[in-house]
């Protein structure tokens, strides 16, 4: 039985090669039939296969992303490297690394294949609506039709205030590498998911807002560092985020695979001495 299957596979591959040979112009076929060209091909084909397989892997399965800011503290630290799963929300051109290099620039929102809406509370890597070459990471707070509002620093979803519980003080790193102790709270979303947030004040510019009604085909994103996050609370023209089209979603961040406190390093040569081993394999919740 196995020999018959092997013979069938060989016959199929033979027919494929014959079909391809007919489609390739004779001069091209002659060029690639040369011994010196064959020798070069034999030398580069395995590394080339590896590159193609890796490119396919990071397009379809998972891809690492780097966190350059503190907008998602305390969940994600500045300098974290996270893995994002590509399959949870479907695929678009933005699933492909450096898509704008291969496919050209486009600000038209792509339509996902195998599209699925995220769950409120998911931490998502997405392309910035104002400039899709830029990648952001935030937490999903609202789905299409949801009503989101901030009142006196507290988050309301669908006219219900979310419960929070004081969780002590934690270190907050700023953009210059300085650290201060700030209050943290555990916030519970309507579906029961819990996550920690930073909240230092209750009367900031975005602590009292109008009601945001999430339009169809979009999601509402917020950072866990509530007083230091450019997110869906701000107008599109100001922060570039606004309501995020589902076609801009790239993947769900699920684990930290490494972290470097580069803000306190004097150069790249000091990065090994500023590696945060405690951050390795921290699950993103």
Protein backbone atom coordinates (compact mmCIF):
# COMPACT_ATOMS: atom_id res chain seq x y z
CA UNK A 1 0.00 0.00 0.00
CA UNK A 2 2.80 2.41 0.96
CA UNK A 3 4.70 1.67 -2.26
CA UNK A 4 1.59 2.45 -4.30
CA UNK A 5 1.16 5.77 -2.45
CA UNK A 6 4.84 6.62 -3.04
CA UNK A 7 4.52 5.78 -6.74
CA UNK A 8 1.38 7.93 -6.99
CA UNK A 9 3.14 10.87 -5.33
CA UNK A 10 6.12 10.49 -7.65
CA UNK A 11 3.87 10.40 -10.70
CA UNK A 12 2.08 13.54 -9.51
CA UNK A 13 5.34 15.42 -8.96
CA UNK A 14 6.51 14.26 -12.39
CA UNK A 15 3.41 15.69 -14.03
CA UNK A 16 3.86 18.98 -12.13
CA UNK A 17 7.46 19.27 -13.31
CA UNK A 18 6.44 18.51 -16.90
CA UNK A 19 3.71 21.16 -16.78
CA UNK A 20 6.09 23.76 -15.34
CA UNK A 21 8.70 22.87 -17.96
CA UNK A 22 6.20 23.59 -20.73
CA UNK A 23 5.39 27.00 -19.24
CA UNK A 24 9.01 28.12 -18.84
CA UNK A 25 10.50 29.77 -21.97
CA UNK A 26 13.29 27.75 -23.59
CA UNK A 27 16.06 30.36 -22.96
CA UNK A 28 15.16 30.47 -19.26
CA UNK A 29 15.11 26.68 -19.03
CA UNK A 30 18.47 26.50 -20.78
CA UNK A 31 19.97 29.04 -18.38
CA UNK A 32 18.89 27.09 -15.30
CA UNK A 33 20.07 23.84 -16.87
CA UNK A 34 23.68 25.08 -16.92
CA UNK A 35 25.99 23.25 -14.52
CA UNK A 36 27.34 26.44 -12.93
CA UNK A 37 23.81 27.74 -12.30
CA UNK A 38 22.80 24.36 -10.87
CA UNK A 39 25.84 24.47 -8.57
CA UNK A 40 24.85 27.92 -7.27
CA UNK A 41 21.24 26.80 -6.82
CA UNK A 42 22.34 23.70 -4.87
CA UNK A 43 24.35 26.01 -2.61
CA UNK A 44 21.59 28.55 -1.86
CA UNK A 45 18.39 26.52 -2.04
CA UNK A 46 18.39 25.22 1.53
CA UNK A 47 18.93 28.66 3.15
CA UNK A 48 16.34 30.07 0.72
CA UNK A 49 13.83 27.37 1.69
CA UNK A 50 14.47 28.20 5.36
CA UNK A 51 13.82 31.91 4.75
CA UNK A 52 10.61 31.16 2.84
CA UNK A 53 9.40 28.79 5.56
CA UNK A 54 10.17 31.32 8.29
CA UNK A 55 8.39 34.07 6.37
CA UNK A 56 5.35 31.83 5.99
CA UNK A 57 5.48 30.92 9.68
CA UNK A 58 5.49 34.53 10.92
CA UNK A 59 2.74 35.39 8.43
CA UNK A 60 0.39 32.55 9.34
CA UNK A 61 1.22 31.40 12.89
CA UNK A 62 3.11 33.77 15.22
CA UNK A 63 5.37 36.81 14.97
CA UNK A 64 7.47 38.62 17.57
CA UNK A 65 6.81 42.30 18.20
CA UNK A 66 8.70 44.87 20.23
CA UNK A 67 7.05 47.20 22.78
CA UNK A 68 8.70 50.66 22.59
CA UNK A 69 6.48 52.63 24.98
CA UNK A 70 4.90 52.35 28.41
CA UNK A 71 1.27 52.72 27.33
CA UNK A 72 0.51 49.12 28.30
CA UNK A 73 2.23 49.15 31.69
CA UNK A 74 1.93 47.31 34.03
CA UNK A 75 0.92 44.48 31.65
CA UNK A 76 3.74 45.11 29.17
CA UNK A 77 7.00 46.88 30.01
CA UNK A 78 9.05 49.17 27.79
CA UNK A 79 11.47 46.93 25.91
CA UNK A 80 9.34 43.76 26.06
CA UNK A 81 9.35 41.41 23.09
CA UNK A 82 6.00 39.65 22.75
CA UNK A 83 4.73 36.86 20.55
CA UNK A 84 1.45 37.51 18.77
CA UNK A 85 -0.69 34.69 17.39
CA UNK A 86 -1.80 35.50 13.83
CA UNK A 87 -4.76 33.12 13.46
CA UNK A 88 -7.31 34.31 16.09
CA UNK A 89 -8.82 37.16 14.02
CA UNK A 90 -8.22 36.07 10.43
CA UNK A 91 -5.71 37.23 7.85
CA UNK A 92 -5.14 40.38 5.79
CA UNK A 93 -2.16 41.94 4.03
CA UNK A 94 -1.15 43.20 7.49
CA UNK A 95 -0.50 39.61 8.56
CA UNK A 96 2.55 39.72 6.27
CA UNK A 97 5.71 41.30 7.72
CA UNK A 98 6.79 44.38 5.71
CA UNK A 99 3.69 44.10 3.52
CA UNK A 100 4.19 47.68 2.28
CA UNK A 101 7.56 46.64 0.82
CA UNK A 102 6.11 43.74 -1.17
CA UNK A 103 2.61 45.05 -1.89
CA UNK A 104 3.12 48.82 -1.83
CA UNK A 105 1.56 51.32 0.53
CA UNK A 106 -2.21 51.42 0.98
CA UNK A 107 -4.46 53.13 3.52
CA UNK A 108 -7.54 51.23 2.37
CA UNK A 109 -8.77 48.92 5.13
CA UNK A 110 -8.29 45.31 3.99
CA UNK A 111 -11.09 42.76 4.40
CA UNK A 112 -9.96 39.82 6.56
CA UNK A 113 -10.09 36.22 5.43
CA UNK A 114 -11.49 33.86 8.10
CA UNK A 115 -12.45 36.92 10.15
CA UNK A 116 -13.37 36.54 13.81
CA UNK A 117 -14.06 39.33 16.27
CA UNK A 118 -11.78 39.54 19.31
CA UNK A 119 -12.94 39.11 22.88
CA UNK A 120 -13.11 42.13 25.16
CA UNK A 121 -9.91 42.08 27.18
CA UNK A 122 -7.67 40.65 24.46
CA UNK A 123 -4.31 42.39 24.10
CA UNK A 124 -3.91 42.96 20.37
CA UNK A 125 -1.18 44.04 17.99
CA UNK A 126 -2.69 46.20 15.25
CA UNK A 127 -1.75 48.58 12.47
CA UNK A 128 -2.32 52.25 13.20
CA UNK A 129 -5.34 53.46 11.17
CA UNK A 130 -3.70 56.80 10.36
CA UNK A 131 -0.40 55.22 9.24
CA UNK A 132 -0.59 51.43 8.69
CA UNK A 133 3.20 51.11 8.57
CA UNK A 134 3.19 51.71 12.33
CA UNK A 135 2.29 48.90 14.76
CA UNK A 136 0.57 49.48 18.11
CA UNK A 137 -0.43 47.14 20.94
CA UNK A 138 -3.46 47.86 23.17
CA UNK A 139 -6.29 46.10 24.97
CA UNK A 140 -9.73 45.64 23.39
CA UNK A 141 -12.33 47.45 25.50
CA UNK A 142 -15.31 47.69 23.15
CA UNK A 143 -16.79 45.70 20.26
CA UNK A 144 -19.19 46.93 17.55
CA UNK A 145 -22.28 48.49 19.14
CA UNK A 146 -20.72 48.88 22.60
CA UNK A 147 -21.00 52.18 24.45
CA UNK A 148 -17.75 53.25 26.09
CA UNK A 149 -17.21 56.27 28.34
CA UNK A 150 -14.86 57.63 31.00
CA UNK A 151 -16.41 59.32 34.03
CA UNK A 152 -14.18 60.79 36.73
CA UNK A 153 -11.39 58.45 35.69
CA UNK A 154 -13.53 55.31 35.79
CA UNK A 155 -14.36 53.20 32.75
CA UNK A 156 -17.99 52.59 31.82
CA UNK A 157 -19.10 50.02 29.23
CA UNK A 158 -22.73 49.88 28.12
CA UNK A 159 -23.80 52.26 30.90
CA UNK A 160 -22.22 50.17 33.67
CA UNK A 161 -19.21 51.23 35.68
CA UNK A 162 -16.46 48.62 35.78
CA UNK A 163 -15.42 47.51 39.27
CA UNK A 164 -11.82 48.15 40.31
CA UNK A 165 -9.85 47.00 43.34
CA UNK A 166 -6.70 48.64 44.71
CA UNK A 167 -3.69 46.36 44.10
CA UNK A 168 -0.87 48.35 45.73
CA UNK A 169 1.98 50.41 44.29
CA UNK A 170 4.15 49.36 41.36
CA UNK A 171 7.08 50.80 39.43
CA UNK A 172 6.18 52.86 36.38
CA UNK A 173 9.04 53.53 33.91
CA UNK A 174 8.77 56.75 31.94
CA UNK A 175 10.11 57.55 28.45
CA UNK A 176 13.45 58.68 29.90
CA UNK A 177 14.05 55.52 31.95
CA UNK A 178 13.10 57.08 35.27
CA UNK A 179 10.90 55.11 37.63
CA UNK A 180 8.20 56.19 40.05
CA UNK A 181 5.82 54.23 42.24
CA UNK A 182 2.20 54.60 41.11
CA UNK A 183 -1.10 53.07 42.26
CA UNK A 184 -2.28 49.94 40.47
CA UNK A 185 -5.82 48.62 40.33
CA UNK A 186 -7.38 45.36 39.21
CA UNK A 187 -10.17 46.13 36.75
CA UNK A 188 -12.89 43.60 35.93
CA UNK A 189 -14.43 43.67 32.46
CA UNK A 190 -18.09 42.79 31.78
CA UNK A 191 -17.12 39.25 30.73
CA UNK A 192 -15.30 38.66 34.02
CA UNK A 193 -11.76 39.09 32.70
CA UNK A 194 -9.44 40.88 35.12
CA UNK A 195 -6.33 42.91 34.36
CA UNK A 196 -4.20 45.46 36.16
CA UNK A 197 -4.08 49.15 35.25
CA UNK A 198 -2.04 52.18 36.30
CA UNK A 199 -4.08 55.18 37.46
CA UNK A 200 -2.43 58.24 38.99
CA UNK A 201 -5.17 60.86 38.61
CA UNK A 202 -8.92 61.00 38.16
CA UNK A 203 -9.44 64.41 36.56
CA UNK A 204 -7.19 64.33 33.50
CA UNK A 205 -8.18 65.36 30.00
CA UNK A 206 -9.53 61.92 29.06
CA UNK A 207 -11.00 61.07 32.46
CA UNK A 208 -14.37 62.61 31.51
CA UNK A 209 -15.48 61.95 27.96
CA UNK A 210 -18.54 61.76 25.80
CA UNK A 211 -20.03 58.35 25.04
CA UNK A 212 -18.17 56.49 22.30
CA UNK A 213 -20.45 54.20 20.28
CA UNK A 214 -18.25 51.65 18.51
CA UNK A 215 -19.24 51.47 14.82
CA UNK A 216 -19.72 48.24 12.90
CA UNK A 217 -16.51 46.60 11.76
CA UNK A 218 -14.41 48.37 14.42
CA UNK A 219 -13.11 47.89 17.96
CA UNK A 220 -12.28 50.30 20.77
CA UNK A 221 -8.72 50.09 22.14
CA UNK A 222 -7.23 51.39 25.38
CA UNK A 223 -3.87 51.14 27.10
CA UNK A 224 -3.56 49.78 30.63
CA UNK A 225 -1.49 52.84 31.59
CA UNK A 226 -4.62 54.96 31.57
CA UNK A 227 -2.95 58.33 32.09
CA UNK A 228 -0.26 57.74 29.46
CA UNK A 229 -1.80 56.03 26.46
CA UNK A 230 -2.61 57.24 22.96
CA UNK A 231 -5.68 55.14 22.19
CA UNK A 232 -9.29 55.14 20.94
CA UNK A 233 -10.29 57.85 23.40
CA UNK A 234 -8.42 60.38 21.25
CA UNK A 235 -9.55 61.62 17.83
CA UNK A 236 -8.02 59.86 14.84
CA UNK A 237 -6.33 63.03 13.63
CA UNK A 238 -4.63 63.56 17.01
CA UNK A 239 -3.30 60.14 17.95
CA UNK A 240 -3.88 58.18 14.79
CA UNK A 241 -5.87 55.47 16.57
CA UNK A 242 -9.57 56.30 16.87
CA UNK A 243 -11.88 53.36 16.27
CA UNK A 244 -9.71 50.54 14.92
CA UNK A 245 -11.03 48.63 11.87
CA UNK A 246 -11.04 44.85 12.38
CA UNK A 247 -9.05 44.65 9.15
CA UNK A 248 -6.15 46.36 10.95
CA UNK A 249 -5.85 43.65 13.61
CA UNK A 250 -2.62 41.69 13.26
CA UNK A 251 -2.63 39.21 16.13
CA UNK A 252 -3.23 38.50 19.81
CA UNK A 253 -0.25 39.04 22.11
CA UNK A 254 0.01 36.07 24.44
CA UNK A 255 3.50 35.79 25.95
CA UNK A 256 6.61 37.87 26.66
CA UNK A 257 9.70 36.12 25.30
CA UNK A 258 12.30 38.64 26.41
CA UNK A 259 12.82 42.17 27.71
CA UNK A 260 15.61 44.74 27.69
CA UNK A 261 15.61 47.92 29.78
CA UNK A 262 17.21 49.84 26.93
CA UNK A 263 16.12 53.20 28.38
CA UNK A 264 18.78 52.77 31.09
CA UNK A 265 21.50 51.44 28.78
CA UNK A 266 24.12 53.79 27.37
CA UNK A 267 24.32 51.83 24.13
CA UNK A 268 23.43 48.55 22.48
CA UNK A 269 26.58 47.00 23.98
CA UNK A 270 25.00 47.39 27.43
CA UNK A 271 21.74 45.66 26.50
CA UNK A 272 22.93 42.22 27.76
CA UNK A 273 23.50 43.79 31.19
CA UNK A 274 19.99 45.29 31.20
CA UNK A 275 18.14 42.12 30.21
CA UNK A 276 15.10 41.49 32.42
CA UNK A 277 15.20 37.73 33.00
CA UNK A 278 12.13 37.97 35.24
CA UNK A 279 10.01 38.97 32.24
CA UNK A 280 10.75 35.82 30.21
CA UNK A 281 7.67 33.67 29.53
CA UNK A 282 5.28 36.04 31.30
CA UNK A 283 1.81 35.35 29.95
CA UNK A 284 -0.06 38.38 28.65
CA UNK A 285 -3.42 38.55 30.42
